[in-house]
Amino acid sequence: LAEAMINNHFIDNFKDKGVNIVPRLSIKWLLIMASAKYWVSNSRMPLWIPKPKHTVYLQTWHGTPLKKLAADMDDVFMPGTNIENYKRNFLKESANWDYLISPNPYSTKIFRRAFAFKKEMIESGYPRNDFLYNANNEKDILALKKKYQIPTDKKVILYAPTWRDDQYFEKGKYKFDLKLDLKHMQEQLGDQYIVLLRLHYLIANHIDVSEYKGFAFDFSHHEDIRELYMVSDLLITDYSSVFFDYANLKRPMIFFVYDIEDYRDRLRGFYFDFEEKAPGPLVKTTEEVIEEINKLEKNKRLPKNFDEFYETFCSWEDGNATKRVVETVWGK
């Protein structure tokens, strides 16, 4: 029997999805965690939950890393911790993992070192990305647009930024200032495009898009970002790992990085030369975003470095990663 452990404020997102829901941190959750044969998670478990000896822990993690992780980090700016405690607690957790999924050779190398992971790495690609290969067709895309009432007569821009470590209300609740000028974009692009906003789940403040009716739609609480990838013609992001996943669709991307110097040099640090390797143009203003979108309308070409990027980060993805993981952990 599979149980889905869901945070209370996300439970409504998973109703009628055909899964057995157990509220996270509830008494029932505690009992199931203590008796479960398998744990499957894409982030860390609370350290006060001991992993039973009979339990096999599959850690899927949540993305190919651009930003430095765990033992590789030089400092933390998150509330309620410091760099020593953060690293110590992280490595206590990663010591419990029996399996760790890697999406590409680049991640394998980083995960081994940053997580001090010595057990079995499943080099399979991400199971979540199978959908991007198996549903990437006109029929399924149209069905998704109709399901979520997304206009079918306009091109779709997905804006999916990440959170900033030092911008928060309290621990676990981050704020986000929308630097993208939606009004200007609507004036310049509204005849041909709409925008779907998908803010990170840790961002607590609500973005009001009511004045951009018919142009901007807030999908921040949509539980499956893969569906938003699928219906979009273009991704605008920043340092979020979404761009590694979106690259599987071989569609254009624009990187809106208005604070790149601060983010790169102070907050997190990058594993590679992002400015050089990013599979799309880096811009700092809304006007530049609009210019790049207009260029795409004329050229309709991916950047010259895209094939190299795809080979480095997406070469294991083929729509069968789930099968490889299941056969490794549970057998054929």
C-alpha atoms as a PDB file:
ATOM      1  CA  LEU A   1       0.000   0.000   0.000  1.00  0.00           C
ATOM      2  CA  ALA A   2       1.425   3.392  -1.024  1.00  0.00           C
ATOM      3  CA  GLU A   3       0.705   6.445   1.104  1.00  0.00           C
ATOM      4  CA  ALA A   4       1.370  10.053   0.023  1.00  0.00           C
ATOM      5  CA  MET A   5       2.654  12.213   2.871  1.00  0.00           C
ATOM      6  CA  ILE A   6       1.376  15.740   2.144  1.00  0.00           C
ATOM      7  CA  ASN A   7       1.867  19.038   3.996  1.00  0.00           C
ATOM      8  CA  ASN A   8      -1.463  20.311   5.346  1.00  0.00           C
ATOM      9  CA  HIS A   9      -1.595  23.432   3.175  1.00  0.00           C
ATOM     10  CA  PHE A  10      -1.127  21.339   0.000  1.00  0.00           C
ATOM     11  CA  ILE A  11      -3.669  18.604   0.717  1.00  0.00           C
ATOM     12  CA  ASP A  12      -6.391  20.167  -1.442  1.00  0.00           C
ATOM     13  CA  ASN A  13      -4.049  19.964  -4.450  1.00  0.00           C
ATOM     14  CA  PHE A  14      -3.978  16.186  -4.201  1.00  0.00           C
ATOM     15  CA  LYS A  15      -7.639  15.407  -3.620  1.00  0.00           C
ATOM     16  CA  ASP A  16      -9.212  13.293  -6.373  1.00  0.00           C
ATOM     17  CA  LYS A  17      -5.746  12.332  -7.664  1.00  0.00           C
ATOM     18  CA  GLY A  18      -6.134   8.656  -6.843  1.00  0.00           C
ATOM     19  CA  VAL A  19      -3.601   8.644  -3.990  1.00  0.00           C
ATOM     20  CA  ASN A  20      -3.927   7.748  -0.313  1.00  0.00           C
ATOM     21  CA  ILE A  21      -3.243  11.025   1.517  1.00  0.00           C
ATOM     22  CA  VAL A  22      -1.730  11.185   4.996  1.00  0.00           C
ATOM     23  CA  PRO A  23      -1.162  14.655   6.544  1.00  0.00           C
ATOM     24  CA  ARG A  24       2.530  15.161   7.189  1.00  0.00           C
ATOM     25  CA  LEU A  25       3.498  15.368  10.906  1.00  0.00           C
ATOM     26  CA  SER A  26       0.178  13.809  11.966  1.00  0.00           C
ATOM     27  CA  ILE A  27      -0.036  10.851  14.378  1.00  0.00           C
ATOM     28  CA  LYS A  28      -0.902   8.558  11.469  1.00  0.00           C
ATOM     29  CA  TRP A  29       2.142   9.872   9.577  1.00  0.00           C
ATOM     30  CA  LEU A  30       4.410   9.070  12.531  1.00  0.00           C
ATOM     31  CA  LEU A  31       3.044   5.525  12.770  1.00  0.00           C
ATOM     32  CA  ILE A  32       3.436   4.899   9.044  1.00  0.00           C
ATOM     33  CA  MET A  33       6.959   6.323   8.976  1.00  0.00           C
ATOM     34  CA  ALA A  34       7.948   3.924  11.760  1.00  0.00           C
ATOM     35  CA  SER A  35       6.506   0.852  10.042  1.00  0.00           C
ATOM     36  CA  ALA A  36       7.071   1.592   6.338  1.00  0.00           C
ATOM     37  CA  LYS A  37       9.257  -0.759   4.308  1.00  0.00           C
ATOM     38  CA  TYR A  38      10.190   2.091   1.931  1.00  0.00           C
ATOM     39  CA  TRP A  39      10.590   5.838   2.188  1.00  0.00           C
ATOM     40  CA  VAL A  40      10.610   7.849  -1.051  1.00  0.00           C
ATOM     41  CA  SER A  41      11.356  11.563  -0.802  1.00  0.00           C
ATOM     42  CA  ASN A  42      12.684  14.395  -2.974  1.00  0.00           C
ATOM     43  CA  SER A  43      13.979  16.483  -0.042  1.00  0.00           C
ATOM     44  CA  ARG A  44      15.245  16.024   3.479  1.00  0.00           C
ATOM     45  CA  MET A  45      13.301  14.345   6.291  1.00  0.00           C
ATOM     46  CA  PRO A  46      13.199  15.904   9.785  1.00  0.00           C
ATOM     47  CA  LEU A  47      16.223  14.682  11.750  1.00  0.00           C
ATOM     48  CA  TRP A  48      14.058  13.819  14.746  1.00  0.00           C
ATOM     49  CA  ILE A  49      12.439  11.016  12.713  1.00  0.00           C
ATOM     50  CA  PRO A  50      14.689   7.963  13.153  1.00  0.00           C
ATOM     51  CA  LYS A  51      14.971   5.727  10.119  1.00  0.00           C
ATOM     52  CA  PRO A  52      13.974   2.156  11.119  1.00  0.00           C
ATOM     53  CA  LYS A  53      16.481  -0.600  10.362  1.00  0.00           C
ATOM     54  CA  HIS A  54      13.946  -2.376   8.131  1.00  0.00           C
ATOM     55  CA  THR A  55      13.265   0.724   5.984  1.00  0.00           C
ATOM     56  CA  VAL A  56      14.820   1.345   2.556  1.00  0.00           C
ATOM     57  CA  TYR A  57      15.161   5.059   1.826  1.00  0.00           C
ATOM     58  CA  LEU A  58      15.035   6.167  -1.831  1.00  0.00           C
ATOM     59  CA  GLN A  59      16.056   9.810  -2.205  1.00  0.00           C
ATOM     60  CA  THR A  60      15.054  11.229  -5.598  1.00  0.00           C
ATOM     61  CA  TRP A  61      16.310  14.782  -4.839  1.00  0.00           C
ATOM     62  CA  HIS A  62      14.663  17.710  -6.641  1.00  0.00           C
ATOM     63  CA  GLY A  63      16.840  18.838  -9.491  1.00  0.00           C
ATOM     64  CA  THR A  64      20.142  19.086 -11.284  1.00  0.00           C
ATOM     65  CA  PRO A  65      22.202  21.578  -9.238  1.00  0.00           C
ATOM     66  CA  LEU A  66      23.367  24.945 -10.513  1.00  0.00           C
ATOM     67  CA  LYS A  67      23.582  26.404  -7.008  1.00  0.00           C
ATOM     68  CA  LYS A  68      26.098  24.920  -4.565  1.00  0.00           C
ATOM     69  CA  LEU A  69      24.734  22.261  -2.235  1.00  0.00           C
ATOM     70  CA  ALA A  70      25.323  21.075   1.330  1.00  0.00           C
ATOM     71  CA  ALA A  71      29.033  20.397   1.976  1.00  0.00           C
ATOM     72  CA  ASP A  72      30.015  22.565  -0.997  1.00  0.00           C
ATOM     73  CA  MET A  73      28.347  25.700   0.381  1.00  0.00           C
ATOM     74  CA  ASP A  74      30.521  28.464   1.848  1.00  0.00           C
ATOM     75  CA  ASP A  75      27.777  30.174   3.837  1.00  0.00           C
ATOM     76  CA  VAL A  76      24.014  30.148   4.435  1.00  0.00           C
ATOM     77  CA  PHE A  77      21.626  33.102   4.595  1.00  0.00           C
ATOM     78  CA  MET A  78      18.508  31.115   5.563  1.00  0.00           C
ATOM     79  CA  PRO A  79      16.800  31.896   8.889  1.00  0.00           C
ATOM     80  CA  GLY A  80      17.327  29.680  11.932  1.00  0.00           C
ATOM     81  CA  THR A  81      20.697  28.137  11.087  1.00  0.00           C
ATOM     82  CA  ASN A  82      24.373  28.753  10.386  1.00  0.00           C
ATOM     83  CA  ILE A  83      26.787  27.076   7.997  1.00  0.00           C
ATOM     84  CA  GLU A  84      28.182  24.601  10.549  1.00  0.00           C
ATOM     85  CA  ASN A  85      24.755  23.410  11.747  1.00  0.00           C
ATOM     86  CA  TYR A  86      23.377  23.333   8.214  1.00  0.00           C
ATOM     87  CA  LYS A  87      26.162  21.092   6.901  1.00  0.00           C
ATOM     88  CA  ARG A  88      26.157  18.825   9.944  1.00  0.00           C
ATOM     89  CA  ASN A  89      22.384  18.285   9.842  1.00  0.00           C
ATOM     90  CA  PHE A  90      22.369  17.797   6.079  1.00  0.00           C
ATOM     91  CA  LEU A  91      25.036  15.098   6.184  1.00  0.00           C
ATOM     92  CA  LYS A  92      23.281  13.314   9.064  1.00  0.00           C
ATOM     93  CA  GLU A  93      20.224  13.078   6.826  1.00  0.00           C
ATOM     94  CA  SER A  94      22.067  12.001   3.669  1.00  0.00           C
ATOM     95  CA  ALA A  95      23.737   9.190   5.647  1.00  0.00           C
ATOM     96  CA  ASN A  96      20.251   7.594   5.873  1.00  0.00           C
ATOM     97  CA  TRP A  97      19.769   7.394   2.107  1.00  0.00           C
ATOM     98  CA  ASP A  98      20.094   3.887   0.642  1.00  0.00           C
ATOM     99  CA  TYR A  99      19.562   4.989  -2.960  1.00  0.00           C
ATOM    100  CA  LEU A 100      19.985   8.367  -4.630  1.00  0.00           C
ATOM    101  CA  ILE A 101      18.744   9.138  -8.151  1.00  0.00           C
ATOM    102  CA  SER A 102      21.056  11.039 -10.475  1.00  0.00           C
ATOM    103  CA  PRO A 103      19.737  12.738 -13.641  1.00  0.00           C
ATOM    104  CA  ASN A 104      23.107  13.029 -15.409  1.00  0.00           C
ATOM    105  CA  PRO A 105      26.872  12.367 -14.983  1.00  0.00           C
ATOM    106  CA  TYR A 106      27.440  15.967 -13.878  1.00  0.00           C
ATOM    107  CA  SER A 107      25.017  15.502 -10.939  1.00  0.00           C
ATOM    108  CA  THR A 108      26.508  12.149  -9.950  1.00  0.00           C
ATOM    109  CA  LYS A 109      29.877  13.774  -9.310  1.00  0.00           C
ATOM    110  CA  ILE A 110      28.399  16.673  -7.331  1.00  0.00           C
ATOM    111  CA  PHE A 111      25.974  14.523  -5.307  1.00  0.00           C
ATOM    112  CA  ARG A 112      28.735  12.134  -4.244  1.00  0.00           C
ATOM    113  CA  ARG A 113      30.824  14.981  -2.855  1.00  0.00           C
ATOM    114  CA  ALA A 114      28.221  17.505  -1.624  1.00  0.00           C
ATOM    115  CA  PHE A 115      26.064  14.869   0.106  1.00  0.00           C
ATOM    116  CA  ALA A 116      29.007  12.648   1.144  1.00  0.00           C
ATOM    117  CA  PHE A 117      26.938   9.869  -0.406  1.00  0.00           C
ATOM    118  CA  LYS A 118      28.602   6.433  -0.416  1.00  0.00           C
ATOM    119  CA  LYS A 119      25.704   4.077  -1.177  1.00  0.00           C
ATOM    120  CA  GLU A 120      24.039   3.206  -4.501  1.00  0.00           C
ATOM    121  CA  MET A 121      23.606   5.996  -7.043  1.00  0.00           C
ATOM    122  CA  ILE A 122      20.876   5.187  -9.582  1.00  0.00           C
ATOM    123  CA  GLU A 123      22.077   6.787 -12.796  1.00  0.00           C
ATOM    124  CA  SER A 124      18.751   6.718 -14.561  1.00  0.00           C
ATOM    125  CA  GLY A 125      17.631  10.237 -15.415  1.00  0.00           C
ATOM    126  CA  TYR A 126      14.659  11.667 -13.513  1.00  0.00           C
ATOM    127  CA  PRO A 127      11.447   9.584 -13.446  1.00  0.00           C
ATOM    128  CA  ARG A 128       9.442  12.820 -13.309  1.00  0.00           C
ATOM    129  CA  ASN A 129      10.808  13.752 -16.739  1.00  0.00           C
ATOM    130  CA  ASP A 130       9.404  10.641 -18.442  1.00  0.00           C
ATOM    131  CA  PHE A 131       6.216  12.657 -18.908  1.00  0.00           C
ATOM    132  CA  LEU A 132       8.103  15.211 -21.012  1.00  0.00           C
ATOM    133  CA  TYR A 133       8.923  12.496 -23.532  1.00  0.00           C
ATOM    134  CA  ASN A 134       5.752  10.430 -23.379  1.00  0.00           C
ATOM    135  CA  ALA A 135       3.178  13.265 -23.502  1.00  0.00           C
ATOM    136  CA  ASN A 136       4.938  15.722 -25.814  1.00  0.00           C
ATOM    137  CA  ASN A 137       2.371  15.629 -28.604  1.00  0.00           C
ATOM    138  CA  GLU A 138      -0.325  17.915 -29.957  1.00  0.00           C
ATOM    139  CA  LYS A 139      -3.252  15.902 -28.615  1.00  0.00           C
ATOM    140  CA  ASP A 140      -2.031  15.747 -24.998  1.00  0.00           C
ATOM    141  CA  ILE A 141      -0.947  19.396 -24.990  1.00  0.00           C
ATOM    142  CA  LEU A 142      -4.351  20.556 -26.240  1.00  0.00           C
ATOM    143  CA  ALA A 143      -6.095  18.401 -23.625  1.00  0.00           C
ATOM    144  CA  LEU A 144      -4.048  20.039 -20.851  1.00  0.00           C
ATOM    145  CA  LYS A 145      -4.850  23.544 -22.107  1.00  0.00           C
ATOM    146  CA  LYS A 146      -8.552  22.761 -22.145  1.00  0.00           C
ATOM    147  CA  LYS A 147      -8.400  21.129 -18.708  1.00  0.00           C
ATOM    148  CA  TYR A 148      -6.867  24.217 -17.111  1.00  0.00           C
ATOM    149  CA  GLN A 149      -8.727  26.763 -19.276  1.00  0.00           C
ATOM    150  CA  ILE A 150      -5.547  28.086 -20.882  1.00  0.00           C
ATOM    151  CA  PRO A 151      -6.276  30.021 -24.108  1.00  0.00           C
ATOM    152  CA  THR A 152      -5.455  27.980 -27.198  1.00  0.00           C
ATOM    153  CA  ASP A 153      -5.137  30.926 -29.602  1.00  0.00           C
ATOM    154  CA  LYS A 154      -2.034  32.454 -27.971  1.00  0.00           C
ATOM    155  CA  LYS A 155       1.538  31.328 -27.374  1.00  0.00           C
ATOM    156  CA  VAL A 156       2.318  30.535 -23.752  1.00  0.00           C
ATOM    157  CA  ILE A 157       5.183  31.955 -21.683  1.00  0.00           C
ATOM    158  CA  LEU A 158       5.934  30.164 -18.398  1.00  0.00           C
ATOM    159  CA  TYR A 159       7.675  32.325 -15.763  1.00  0.00           C
ATOM    160  CA  ALA A 160       9.154  30.066 -13.060  1.00  0.00           C
ATOM    161  CA  PRO A 161      11.734  31.817 -10.835  1.00  0.00           C
ATOM    162  CA  THR A 162      13.369  30.431  -7.709  1.00  0.00           C
ATOM    163  CA  TRP A 163      13.455  31.869  -4.177  1.00  0.00           C
ATOM    164  CA  ARG A 164      16.205  34.007  -2.628  1.00  0.00           C
ATOM    165  CA  ASP A 165      17.798  32.663   0.551  1.00  0.00           C
ATOM    166  CA  ASP A 166      17.932  36.065   2.278  1.00  0.00           C
ATOM    167  CA  GLN A 167      14.406  37.273   1.437  1.00  0.00           C
ATOM    168  CA  TYR A 168      12.002  35.724   3.933  1.00  0.00           C
ATOM    169  CA  PHE A 169       9.168  36.336   6.364  1.00  0.00           C
ATOM    170  CA  GLU A 170      10.223  33.508   8.685  1.00  0.00           C
ATOM    171  CA  LYS A 171      11.827  30.067   8.510  1.00  0.00           C
ATOM    172  CA  GLY A 172      10.359  28.149   5.575  1.00  0.00           C
ATOM    173  CA  LYS A 173       8.420  31.172   4.241  1.00  0.00           C
ATOM    174  CA  TYR A 174      10.192  33.251   1.615  1.00  0.00           C
ATOM    175  CA  LYS A 175       9.051  36.436  -0.074  1.00  0.00           C
ATOM    176  CA  PHE A 176       9.479  37.381  -3.697  1.00  0.00           C
ATOM    177  CA  ASP A 177       9.426  40.751  -5.439  1.00  0.00           C
ATOM    178  CA  LEU A 178       8.080  40.408  -8.961  1.00  0.00           C
ATOM    179  CA  LYS A 179      10.573  42.349 -11.060  1.00  0.00           C
ATOM    180  CA  LEU A 180       8.960  41.351 -14.351  1.00  0.00           C
ATOM    181  CA  ASP A 181       6.795  44.245 -15.562  1.00  0.00           C
ATOM    182  CA  LEU A 182       3.628  42.418 -16.591  1.00  0.00           C
ATOM    183  CA  LYS A 183       1.881  45.595 -17.680  1.00  0.00           C
ATOM    184  CA  HIS A 184       4.641  46.443 -20.138  1.00  0.00           C
ATOM    185  CA  MET A 185       4.725  42.853 -21.392  1.00  0.00           C
ATOM    186  CA  GLN A 186       0.962  42.875 -21.904  1.00  0.00           C
ATOM    187  CA  GLU A 187       1.202  46.098 -23.915  1.00  0.00           C
ATOM    188  CA  GLN A 188       3.991  44.739 -26.126  1.00  0.00           C
ATOM    189  CA  LEU A 189       3.150  41.039 -26.369  1.00  0.00           C
ATOM    190  CA  GLY A 190      -0.501  40.639 -25.393  1.00  0.00           C
ATOM    191  CA  ASP A 191      -1.735  40.133 -28.949  1.00  0.00           C
ATOM    192  CA  GLN A 192       0.317  36.960 -29.348  1.00  0.00           C
ATOM    193  CA  TYR A 193       1.215  35.715 -25.869  1.00  0.00           C
ATOM    194  CA  ILE A 194      -0.081  34.924 -22.394  1.00  0.00           C
ATOM    195  CA  VAL A 195       2.019  34.413 -19.241  1.00  0.00           C
ATOM    196  CA  LEU A 196       1.677  31.639 -16.647  1.00  0.00           C
ATOM    197  CA  LEU A 197       3.302  32.479 -13.301  1.00  0.00           C
ATOM    198  CA  ARG A 198       4.655  29.583 -11.275  1.00  0.00           C
ATOM    199  CA  LEU A 199       6.481  30.806  -8.163  1.00  0.00           C
ATOM    200  CA  HIS A 200       8.479  28.434  -5.949  1.00  0.00           C
ATOM    201  CA  TYR A 201       6.408  26.608  -3.327  1.00  0.00           C
ATOM    202  CA  LEU A 202       8.503  28.150  -0.512  1.00  0.00           C
ATOM    203  CA  ILE A 203       7.389  31.652  -1.530  1.00  0.00           C
ATOM    204  CA  ALA A 204       4.651  32.730   0.854  1.00  0.00           C
ATOM    205  CA  ASN A 205       3.460  36.055  -0.530  1.00  0.00           C
ATOM    206  CA  HIS A 206       0.608  36.066  -3.035  1.00  0.00           C
ATOM    207  CA  ILE A 207       1.101  37.739  -6.407  1.00  0.00           C
ATOM    208  CA  ASP A 208      -2.020  39.586  -7.568  1.00  0.00           C
ATOM    209  CA  VAL A 209      -2.462  39.344 -11.348  1.00  0.00           C
ATOM    210  CA  SER A 210      -6.110  40.417 -11.461  1.00  0.00           C
ATOM    211  CA  GLU A 211      -5.312  43.621 -13.376  1.00  0.00           C
ATOM    212  CA  TYR A 212      -3.773  41.567 -16.199  1.00  0.00           C
ATOM    213  CA  LYS A 213      -6.894  39.519 -16.868  1.00  0.00           C
ATOM    214  CA  GLY A 214      -6.612  37.467 -20.028  1.00  0.00           C
ATOM    215  CA  PHE A 215      -2.823  37.883 -20.134  1.00  0.00           C
ATOM    216  CA  ALA A 216      -1.309  36.704 -16.829  1.00  0.00           C
ATOM    217  CA  PHE A 217      -2.462  33.619 -14.936  1.00  0.00           C
ATOM    218  CA  ASP A 218      -1.180  32.561 -11.492  1.00  0.00           C
ATOM    219  CA  PHE A 219      -0.420  28.830 -11.425  1.00  0.00           C
ATOM    220  CA  SER A 220       1.851  29.034  -8.371  1.00  0.00           C
ATOM    221  CA  HIS A 221      -0.270  26.501  -6.486  1.00  0.00           C
ATOM    222  CA  HIS A 222      -0.480  24.062  -9.372  1.00  0.00           C
ATOM    223  CA  GLU A 223       0.979  20.827  -8.046  1.00  0.00           C
ATOM    224  CA  ASP A 224       2.531  19.521 -11.267  1.00  0.00           C
ATOM    225  CA  ILE A 225       4.906  21.916 -12.990  1.00  0.00           C
ATOM    226  CA  ARG A 226       5.500  19.343 -15.740  1.00  0.00           C
ATOM    227  CA  GLU A 227       2.049  20.111 -17.124  1.00  0.00           C
ATOM    228  CA  LEU A 228       2.989  23.791 -17.259  1.00  0.00           C
ATOM    229  CA  TYR A 229       6.217  22.917 -19.096  1.00  0.00           C
ATOM    230  CA  MET A 230       4.194  20.956 -21.594  1.00  0.00           C
ATOM    231  CA  VAL A 231       1.685  23.701 -22.448  1.00  0.00           C
ATOM    232  CA  SER A 232       4.323  26.443 -22.709  1.00  0.00           C
ATOM    233  CA  ASP A 233       6.171  27.599 -25.809  1.00  0.00           C
ATOM    234  CA  LEU A 234       8.848  29.474 -23.882  1.00  0.00           C
ATOM    235  CA  LEU A 235      10.328  29.394 -20.378  1.00  0.00           C
ATOM    236  CA  ILE A 236      11.511  32.462 -18.485  1.00  0.00           C
ATOM    237  CA  THR A 237      13.439  31.552 -15.332  1.00  0.00           C
ATOM    238  CA  ASP A 238      16.543  32.535 -13.403  1.00  0.00           C
ATOM    239  CA  TYR A 239      18.705  30.164 -11.313  1.00  0.00           C
ATOM    240  CA  SER A 240      15.996  27.563 -10.761  1.00  0.00           C
ATOM    241  CA  SER A 241      16.784  23.970 -11.692  1.00  0.00           C
ATOM    242  CA  VAL A 242      13.597  23.973 -13.795  1.00  0.00           C
ATOM    243  CA  PHE A 243      15.691  24.901 -16.834  1.00  0.00           C
ATOM    244  CA  PHE A 244      17.546  21.559 -16.726  1.00  0.00           C
ATOM    245  CA  ASP A 245      14.205  19.720 -16.896  1.00  0.00           C
ATOM    246  CA  TYR A 246      12.644  22.058 -19.453  1.00  0.00           C
ATOM    247  CA  ALA A 247      15.610  21.498 -21.783  1.00  0.00           C
ATOM    248  CA  ASN A 248      14.252  17.987 -22.415  1.00  0.00           C
ATOM    249  CA  LEU A 249      11.499  19.601 -24.517  1.00  0.00           C
ATOM    250  CA  LYS A 250      14.062  21.403 -26.711  1.00  0.00           C
ATOM    251  CA  ARG A 251      12.109  24.664 -26.468  1.00  0.00           C
ATOM    252  CA  PRO A 252      13.543  28.189 -26.025  1.00  0.00           C
ATOM    253  CA  MET A 253      14.450  29.728 -22.661  1.00  0.00           C
ATOM    254  CA  ILE A 254      15.240  33.236 -21.446  1.00  0.00           C
ATOM    255  CA  PHE A 255      17.071  33.862 -18.166  1.00  0.00           C
ATOM    256  CA  PHE A 256      15.791  36.930 -16.280  1.00  0.00           C
ATOM    257  CA  VAL A 257      18.714  37.435 -13.868  1.00  0.00           C
ATOM    258  CA  TYR A 258      18.446  41.004 -12.605  1.00  0.00           C
ATOM    259  CA  ASP A 259      20.439  40.137  -9.433  1.00  0.00           C
ATOM    260  CA  ILE A 260      22.995  37.713 -10.838  1.00  0.00           C
ATOM    261  CA  GLU A 261      26.094  39.319  -9.296  1.00  0.00           C
ATOM    262  CA  ASP A 262      24.637  39.169  -5.778  1.00  0.00           C
ATOM    263  CA  TYR A 263      23.172  35.698  -6.209  1.00  0.00           C
ATOM    264  CA  ARG A 264      26.300  34.228  -7.803  1.00  0.00           C
ATOM    265  CA  ASP A 265      28.933  35.865  -5.607  1.00  0.00           C
ATOM    266  CA  ARG A 266      27.244  36.189  -2.198  1.00  0.00           C
ATOM    267  CA  LEU A 267      24.134  34.058  -1.755  1.00  0.00           C
ATOM    268  CA  ARG A 268      24.889  30.672  -3.275  1.00  0.00           C
ATOM    269  CA  GLY A 269      27.665  30.382  -5.852  1.00  0.00           C
ATOM    270  CA  PHE A 270      27.402  28.301  -9.019  1.00  0.00           C
ATOM    271  CA  TYR A 271      28.952  24.994 -10.043  1.00  0.00           C
ATOM    272  CA  PHE A 272      29.730  26.150 -13.566  1.00  0.00           C
ATOM    273  CA  ASP A 273      30.023  29.327 -15.624  1.00  0.00           C
ATOM    274  CA  PHE A 274      26.317  30.069 -15.904  1.00  0.00           C
ATOM    275  CA  GLU A 275      26.773  33.108 -18.133  1.00  0.00           C
ATOM    276  CA  GLU A 276      28.768  31.000 -20.586  1.00  0.00           C
ATOM    277  CA  LYS A 277      26.767  27.743 -20.493  1.00  0.00           C
ATOM    278  CA  ALA A 278      23.138  28.857 -20.008  1.00  0.00           C
ATOM    279  CA  PRO A 279      21.003  27.522 -22.903  1.00  0.00           C
ATOM    280  CA  GLY A 280      19.490  30.919 -23.669  1.00  0.00           C
ATOM    281  CA  PRO A 281      20.122  34.664 -23.334  1.00  0.00           C
ATOM    282  CA  LEU A 282      20.682  36.297 -19.932  1.00  0.00           C
ATOM    283  CA  VAL A 283      18.811  39.593 -19.440  1.00  0.00           C
ATOM    284  CA  LYS A 284      18.274  42.044 -16.582  1.00  0.00           C
ATOM    285  CA  THR A 285      15.256  44.132 -17.593  1.00  0.00           C
ATOM    286  CA  THR A 286      11.718  43.540 -18.816  1.00  0.00           C
ATOM    287  CA  GLU A 287      12.556  45.488 -21.977  1.00  0.00           C
ATOM    288  CA  GLU A 288      15.361  43.025 -22.722  1.00  0.00           C
ATOM    289  CA  VAL A 289      12.977  40.114 -22.109  1.00  0.00           C
ATOM    290  CA  ILE A 290      10.601  41.558 -24.710  1.00  0.00           C
ATOM    291  CA  GLU A 291      13.460  42.101 -27.171  1.00  0.00           C
ATOM    292  CA  GLU A 292      14.572  38.478 -26.849  1.00  0.00           C
ATOM    293  CA  ILE A 293      11.020  37.211 -27.345  1.00  0.00           C
ATOM    294  CA  ASN A 294      10.740  39.291 -30.515  1.00  0.00           C
ATOM    295  CA  LYS A 295      14.063  37.831 -31.716  1.00  0.00           C
ATOM    296  CA  LEU A 296      12.689  34.340 -31.166  1.00  0.00           C
ATOM    297  CA  GLU A 297       9.660  35.239 -33.278  1.00  0.00           C
ATOM    298  CA  LYS A 298      12.002  36.088 -36.157  1.00  0.00           C
ATOM    299  CA  ASN A 299      14.718  33.452 -35.802  1.00  0.00           C
ATOM    300  CA  LYS A 300      12.878  30.469 -34.246  1.00  0.00           C
ATOM    301  CA  ARG A 301      16.253  28.903 -33.415  1.00  0.00           C
ATOM    302  CA  LEU A 302      17.748  27.508 -30.239  1.00  0.00           C
ATOM    303  CA  PRO A 303      21.156  28.928 -29.213  1.00  0.00           C
ATOM    304  CA  LYS A 304      24.350  27.455 -30.639  1.00  0.00           C
ATOM    305  CA  ASN A 305      25.333  25.864 -27.331  1.00  0.00           C
ATOM    306  CA  PHE A 306      21.987  24.100 -26.830  1.00  0.00           C
ATOM    307  CA  ASP A 307      23.052  20.729 -28.263  1.00  0.00           C
ATOM    308  CA  GLU A 308      26.086  20.654 -25.973  1.00  0.00           C
ATOM    309  CA  PHE A 309      23.917  21.583 -22.983  1.00  0.00           C
ATOM    310  CA  TYR A 310      21.388  18.878 -23.855  1.00  0.00           C
ATOM    311  CA  GLU A 311      24.095  16.236 -24.219  1.00  0.00           C
ATOM    312  CA  THR A 312      25.606  17.174 -20.848  1.00  0.00           C
ATOM    313  CA  PHE A 313      22.414  17.347 -18.784  1.00  0.00           C
ATOM    314  CA  CYS A 314      19.670  15.411 -20.618  1.00  0.00           C
ATOM    315  CA  SER A 315      21.428  12.503 -22.343  1.00  0.00           C
ATOM    316  CA  TRP A 316      20.085   9.864 -19.923  1.00  0.00           C
ATOM    317  CA  GLU A 317      16.474  11.006 -20.341  1.00  0.00           C
ATOM    318  CA  ASP A 318      14.382   8.931 -22.752  1.00  0.00           C
ATOM    319  CA  GLY A 319      10.987   8.391 -21.105  1.00  0.00           C
ATOM    320  CA  ASN A 320      12.059   5.202 -19.282  1.00  0.00           C
ATOM    321  CA  ALA A 321      13.754   6.496 -16.129  1.00  0.00           C
ATOM    322  CA  THR A 322      10.905   5.298 -13.883  1.00  0.00           C
ATOM    323  CA  LYS A 323      11.343   1.752 -15.157  1.00  0.00           C
ATOM    324  CA  ARG A 324      15.065   1.842 -14.422  1.00  0.00           C
ATOM    325  CA  VAL A 325      14.524   3.115 -10.865  1.00  0.00           C
ATOM    326  CA  VAL A 326      11.748   0.641 -10.062  1.00  0.00           C
ATOM    327  CA  GLU A 327      13.787  -2.299 -11.329  1.00  0.00           C
ATOM    328  CA  THR A 328      16.780  -1.199  -9.271  1.00  0.00           C
ATOM    329  CA  VAL A 329      14.933  -0.698  -5.976  1.00  0.00           C
ATOM    330  CA  TRP A 330      12.026  -3.149  -6.204  1.00  0.00           C
ATOM    331  CA  GLY A 331      13.271  -5.579  -8.864  1.00  0.00           C
ATOM    332  CA  LYS A 332      11.744  -6.608 -12.194  1.00  0.00           C
END
